[in-house]
Amino acid sequence: MATKKEKTLILKIDTDMLTQEQIRMIKTLHGQILNVVTTDDESEYFNGSSEVMRLCASLIKKSFFGDNLKKESSIPYAEQALEFSVDSLQDQISNSKVIIYDN
C-alpha cells in the first residue's frame, strides 16, 4: 500500500543568530518562493522570480560575514560574493546546467 503524500513542509530555522530584519527577509523570501513555484500567472512568475533573486541578494548583503569583515577590511565582500554568484548562475544558464536537487 502506498503511503499518503505529505501535504505540508515544515521548515525550522534557528533564529538565535539572526537579526529581526534577517528573519523578516527570510519569511518574505519563503512566501515569494512559494508564490513563484505555484503561480499560473506569467507576470507573477517573472516578477516573483526577480523578487526572489533580489531578496537573496539582500540577505547576502546583510550577512554577518560581510558586516564583520567590513570593520577590518575595505574589501567589499558582499558585493564580491554577489558578483561571483551571478557569474556562476550565468555560466550554469548558458551551459543549460542549472543544478536540480531532486532526491
N, C-alpha and C. Protein backbone atom coordinates (compact mmCIF):
# COMPACT_ATOMS: atom_id res chain seq x y z
N MET A 1 0.84 -1.19 0.00
CA MET A 1 0.00 0.00 0.00
C MET A 1 0.89 1.25 0.00
N ALA A 2 0.62 2.17 -0.89
CA ALA A 2 1.41 3.40 -1.00
C ALA A 2 1.09 4.32 0.18
N THR A 3 2.11 5.03 0.62
CA THR A 3 1.89 5.98 1.71
C THR A 3 1.31 7.27 1.16
N LYS A 4 0.56 7.94 1.99
CA LYS A 4 -0.06 9.21 1.62
C LYS A 4 1.03 10.26 1.43
N LYS A 5 0.95 10.98 0.33
CA LYS A 5 1.93 12.02 0.03
C LYS A 5 1.79 13.16 1.04
N GLU A 6 2.91 13.59 1.58
CA GLU A 6 2.92 14.68 2.56
C GLU A 6 2.44 15.97 1.90
N LYS A 7 1.51 16.66 2.54
CA LYS A 7 0.93 17.89 2.00
C LYS A 7 1.54 19.14 2.63
N THR A 8 2.32 18.96 3.68
CA THR A 8 2.88 20.10 4.40
C THR A 8 4.38 19.92 4.57
N LEU A 9 5.09 21.00 4.39
CA LEU A 9 6.53 21.00 4.64
C LEU A 9 6.78 22.01 5.75
N ILE A 10 7.33 21.55 6.84
CA ILE A 10 7.61 22.43 7.97
C ILE A 10 9.11 22.68 7.99
N LEU A 11 9.47 23.93 7.91
CA LEU A 11 10.88 24.32 7.96
C LEU A 11 11.16 24.97 9.30
N LYS A 12 12.20 24.51 9.96
CA LYS A 12 12.60 25.12 11.22
C LYS A 12 13.94 25.81 11.02
N ILE A 13 14.01 27.02 11.49
CA ILE A 13 15.24 27.80 11.38
C ILE A 13 15.59 28.32 12.76
N ASP A 14 16.80 28.05 13.18
CA ASP A 14 17.28 28.59 14.45
C ASP A 14 17.57 30.07 14.24
N THR A 15 16.80 30.93 14.87
CA THR A 15 16.92 32.37 14.66
C THR A 15 17.77 33.08 15.71
N ASP A 16 18.40 32.31 16.60
CA ASP A 16 19.19 32.93 17.67
C ASP A 16 20.24 33.90 17.14
N MET A 17 20.86 33.56 16.01
CA MET A 17 21.94 34.39 15.50
C MET A 17 21.47 35.40 14.44
N LEU A 18 20.17 35.47 14.21
CA LEU A 18 19.65 36.34 13.17
C LEU A 18 19.07 37.62 13.75
N THR A 19 19.16 38.68 12.97
CA THR A 19 18.52 39.94 13.35
C THR A 19 17.05 39.87 12.98
N GLN A 20 16.25 40.77 13.51
CA GLN A 20 14.84 40.84 13.16
C GLN A 20 14.67 41.12 11.67
N GLU A 21 15.54 41.94 11.11
CA GLU A 21 15.48 42.24 9.69
C GLU A 21 15.74 40.98 8.85
N GLN A 22 16.74 40.19 9.23
CA GLN A 22 17.03 38.95 8.51
C GLN A 22 15.87 37.98 8.61
N ILE A 23 15.26 37.89 9.76
CA ILE A 23 14.12 37.00 9.95
C ILE A 23 12.96 37.42 9.04
N ARG A 24 12.67 38.71 9.00
CA ARG A 24 11.60 39.21 8.12
C ARG A 24 11.91 38.91 6.66
N MET A 25 13.16 39.10 6.28
CA MET A 25 13.56 38.86 4.89
C MET A 25 13.42 37.38 4.53
N ILE A 26 13.78 36.49 5.45
CA ILE A 26 13.66 35.05 5.20
C ILE A 26 12.19 34.66 5.08
N LYS A 27 11.34 35.22 5.92
CA LYS A 27 9.89 34.94 5.82
C LYS A 27 9.34 35.42 4.48
N THR A 28 9.75 36.60 4.07
CA THR A 28 9.30 37.15 2.80
C THR A 28 9.81 36.31 1.64
N LEU A 29 11.07 35.90 1.71
CA LEU A 29 11.65 35.05 0.68
C LEU A 29 10.90 33.73 0.58
N HIS A 30 10.60 33.14 1.71
CA HIS A 30 9.85 31.88 1.74
C HIS A 30 8.50 32.03 1.04
N GLY A 31 7.78 33.07 1.37
CA GLY A 31 6.49 33.32 0.74
C GLY A 31 6.61 33.56 -0.75
N GLN A 32 7.62 34.30 -1.13
CA GLN A 32 7.83 34.62 -2.54
C GLN A 32 8.20 33.38 -3.35
N ILE A 33 9.02 32.50 -2.77
CA ILE A 33 9.38 31.25 -3.46
C ILE A 33 8.13 30.41 -3.68
N LEU A 34 7.29 30.30 -2.64
CA LEU A 34 6.05 29.53 -2.78
C LEU A 34 5.18 30.11 -3.89
N ASN A 35 5.11 31.42 -3.96
CA ASN A 35 4.31 32.06 -5.00
C ASN A 35 4.86 31.75 -6.39
N VAL A 36 6.18 31.80 -6.54
CA VAL A 36 6.78 31.56 -7.85
C VAL A 36 6.53 30.12 -8.32
N VAL A 37 6.69 29.16 -7.42
CA VAL A 37 6.56 27.77 -7.85
C VAL A 37 5.11 27.31 -8.01
N THR A 38 4.15 28.11 -7.55
CA THR A 38 2.75 27.69 -7.65
C THR A 38 1.89 28.57 -8.56
N THR A 39 2.38 29.72 -8.96
CA THR A 39 1.56 30.63 -9.76
C THR A 39 1.33 30.10 -11.16
N ASP A 40 0.22 30.50 -11.75
CA ASP A 40 -0.02 30.20 -13.16
C ASP A 40 -0.15 31.51 -13.96
N ASP A 41 0.26 32.59 -13.32
CA ASP A 41 0.22 33.92 -13.95
C ASP A 41 1.62 34.31 -14.41
N GLU A 42 1.76 34.64 -15.69
CA GLU A 42 3.07 34.94 -16.26
C GLU A 42 3.77 36.11 -15.58
N SER A 43 3.07 37.20 -15.35
CA SER A 43 3.72 38.36 -14.74
C SER A 43 4.12 38.07 -13.30
N GLU A 44 3.28 37.33 -12.57
CA GLU A 44 3.64 36.93 -11.21
C GLU A 44 4.87 36.05 -11.21
N TYR A 45 4.95 35.17 -12.19
CA TYR A 45 6.09 34.25 -12.31
C TYR A 45 7.39 35.04 -12.53
N PHE A 46 7.38 35.96 -13.49
CA PHE A 46 8.59 36.73 -13.79
C PHE A 46 8.92 37.74 -12.70
N ASN A 47 7.93 38.49 -12.26
CA ASN A 47 8.18 39.48 -11.21
C ASN A 47 8.56 38.80 -9.89
N GLY A 48 7.90 37.70 -9.57
CA GLY A 48 8.22 36.96 -8.36
C GLY A 48 9.62 36.37 -8.41
N SER A 49 10.01 35.86 -9.57
CA SER A 49 11.36 35.31 -9.74
C SER A 49 12.40 36.41 -9.51
N SER A 50 12.14 37.57 -10.06
CA SER A 50 13.04 38.70 -9.86
C SER A 50 13.13 39.08 -8.39
N GLU A 51 11.99 39.06 -7.71
CA GLU A 51 11.95 39.42 -6.29
C GLU A 51 12.69 38.37 -5.45
N VAL A 52 12.58 37.10 -5.80
CA VAL A 52 13.33 36.05 -5.09
C VAL A 52 14.83 36.33 -5.19
N MET A 53 15.29 36.65 -6.38
CA MET A 53 16.72 36.92 -6.57
C MET A 53 17.14 38.18 -5.80
N ARG A 54 16.29 39.20 -5.81
CA ARG A 54 16.61 40.43 -5.09
C ARG A 54 16.69 40.16 -3.60
N LEU A 55 15.76 39.38 -3.07
CA LEU A 55 15.77 39.06 -1.64
C LEU A 55 17.00 38.24 -1.26
N CYS A 56 17.37 37.30 -2.11
CA CYS A 56 18.59 36.53 -1.84
C CYS A 56 19.81 37.45 -1.80
N ALA A 57 19.88 38.37 -2.74
CA ALA A 57 21.00 39.31 -2.77
C ALA A 57 20.99 40.18 -1.52
N SER A 58 19.83 40.61 -1.08
CA SER A 58 19.74 41.43 0.13
C SER A 58 20.20 40.66 1.36
N LEU A 59 19.81 39.39 1.44
CA LEU A 59 20.24 38.56 2.57
C LEU A 59 21.76 38.37 2.57
N ILE A 60 22.33 38.19 1.40
CA ILE A 60 23.79 38.06 1.31
C ILE A 60 24.45 39.34 1.78
N LYS A 61 23.91 40.48 1.36
CA LYS A 61 24.48 41.76 1.78
C LYS A 61 24.32 42.02 3.27
N LYS A 62 23.28 41.44 3.87
CA LYS A 62 23.02 41.64 5.30
C LYS A 62 23.64 40.54 6.17
N SER A 63 24.49 39.72 5.59
CA SER A 63 25.09 38.62 6.35
C SER A 63 26.11 39.14 7.35
N PHE A 64 26.33 38.36 8.39
CA PHE A 64 27.32 38.74 9.39
C PHE A 64 28.74 38.68 8.83
N PHE A 65 28.98 37.76 7.90
CA PHE A 65 30.31 37.62 7.32
C PHE A 65 30.77 38.95 6.71
N GLY A 66 29.95 39.50 5.87
CA GLY A 66 30.30 40.77 5.23
C GLY A 66 30.40 41.92 6.22
N ASP A 67 29.47 41.97 7.16
CA ASP A 67 29.48 43.05 8.15
C ASP A 67 30.71 42.99 9.05
N ASN A 68 31.05 41.80 9.51
CA ASN A 68 32.20 41.65 10.40
C ASN A 68 33.50 42.01 9.70
N LEU A 69 33.65 41.60 8.45
CA LEU A 69 34.90 41.89 7.75
C LEU A 69 34.97 43.34 7.27
N LYS A 70 33.82 43.99 7.15
CA LYS A 70 33.78 45.38 6.73
C LYS A 70 34.55 46.26 7.72
N LYS A 71 34.52 45.88 8.99
CA LYS A 71 35.20 46.65 10.03
C LYS A 71 36.72 46.48 9.94
N GLU A 72 37.16 45.32 9.44
CA GLU A 72 38.58 45.01 9.40
C GLU A 72 39.23 45.27 8.05
N SER A 73 38.44 45.36 7.00
CA SER A 73 38.99 45.42 5.66
C SER A 73 38.13 46.32 4.78
N SER A 74 38.75 46.88 3.76
CA SER A 74 37.99 47.70 2.82
C SER A 74 37.49 46.88 1.64
N ILE A 75 37.72 45.58 1.67
CA ILE A 75 37.26 44.69 0.59
C ILE A 75 35.74 44.54 0.68
N PRO A 76 35.04 44.82 -0.41
CA PRO A 76 33.57 44.69 -0.40
C PRO A 76 33.13 43.24 -0.58
N TYR A 77 33.23 42.44 0.48
CA TYR A 77 32.95 41.01 0.40
C TYR A 77 31.56 40.70 -0.10
N ALA A 78 30.56 41.42 0.36
CA ALA A 78 29.19 41.13 -0.06
C ALA A 78 29.02 41.35 -1.55
N GLU A 79 29.55 42.43 -2.06
CA GLU A 79 29.46 42.70 -3.50
C GLU A 79 30.22 41.65 -4.30
N GLN A 80 31.39 41.25 -3.79
CA GLN A 80 32.16 40.22 -4.48
C GLN A 80 31.42 38.88 -4.47
N ALA A 81 30.80 38.55 -3.36
CA ALA A 81 30.04 37.30 -3.28
C ALA A 81 28.87 37.33 -4.26
N LEU A 82 28.20 38.47 -4.37
CA LEU A 82 27.08 38.58 -5.31
C LEU A 82 27.57 38.49 -6.75
N GLU A 83 28.67 39.15 -7.08
CA GLU A 83 29.22 39.07 -8.43
C GLU A 83 29.60 37.63 -8.78
N PHE A 84 30.23 36.95 -7.83
CA PHE A 84 30.61 35.56 -8.03
C PHE A 84 29.37 34.69 -8.26
N SER A 85 28.33 34.91 -7.46
CA SER A 85 27.09 34.14 -7.59
C SER A 85 26.43 34.38 -8.93
N VAL A 86 26.35 35.63 -9.34
CA VAL A 86 25.72 35.96 -10.62
C VAL A 86 26.52 35.35 -11.77
N ASP A 87 27.84 35.43 -11.71
CA ASP A 87 28.67 34.83 -12.75
C ASP A 87 28.46 33.32 -12.82
N SER A 88 28.42 32.67 -11.66
CA SER A 88 28.20 31.21 -11.62
C SER A 88 26.83 30.85 -12.18
N LEU A 89 25.82 31.61 -11.79
CA LEU A 89 24.47 31.35 -12.29
C LEU A 89 24.41 31.56 -13.79
N GLN A 90 25.04 32.62 -14.27
CA GLN A 90 25.05 32.90 -15.72
C GLN A 90 25.73 31.76 -16.47
N ASP A 91 26.83 31.25 -15.94
CA ASP A 91 27.52 30.12 -16.57
C ASP A 91 26.61 28.90 -16.62
N GLN A 92 25.90 28.62 -15.52
CA GLN A 92 25.01 27.46 -15.48
C GLN A 92 23.86 27.62 -16.47
N ILE A 93 23.32 28.82 -16.57
CA ILE A 93 22.23 29.07 -17.51
C ILE A 93 22.74 28.92 -18.94
N SER A 94 23.90 29.50 -19.24
CA SER A 94 24.48 29.43 -20.58
C SER A 94 24.76 27.99 -21.00
N ASN A 95 25.18 27.18 -20.06
CA ASN A 95 25.51 25.78 -20.36
C ASN A 95 24.32 24.86 -20.16
N SER A 96 23.16 25.43 -19.86
CA SER A 96 21.96 24.64 -19.57
C SER A 96 22.22 23.61 -18.49
N LYS A 97 22.97 24.01 -17.49
CA LYS A 97 23.32 23.09 -16.41
C LYS A 97 22.86 23.63 -15.06
N VAL A 98 21.67 24.19 -15.00
CA VAL A 98 21.14 24.64 -13.74
C VAL A 98 20.99 23.39 -12.86
N ILE A 99 21.54 23.46 -11.67
CA ILE A 99 21.57 22.30 -10.78
C ILE A 99 20.18 22.03 -10.25
N ILE A 100 19.78 20.77 -10.29
CA ILE A 100 18.49 20.35 -9.75
C ILE A 100 18.76 19.41 -8.59
N TYR A 101 18.23 19.76 -7.44
CA TYR A 101 18.39 18.94 -6.24
C TYR A 101 17.12 18.13 -6.08
N ASP A 102 17.14 16.92 -6.59
CA ASP A 102 15.95 16.07 -6.52
C ASP A 102 16.36 14.72 -5.95
N ASN A 103 15.83 14.41 -4.78
CA ASN A 103 16.18 13.13 -4.16
C ASN A 103 15.23 12.06 -4.57
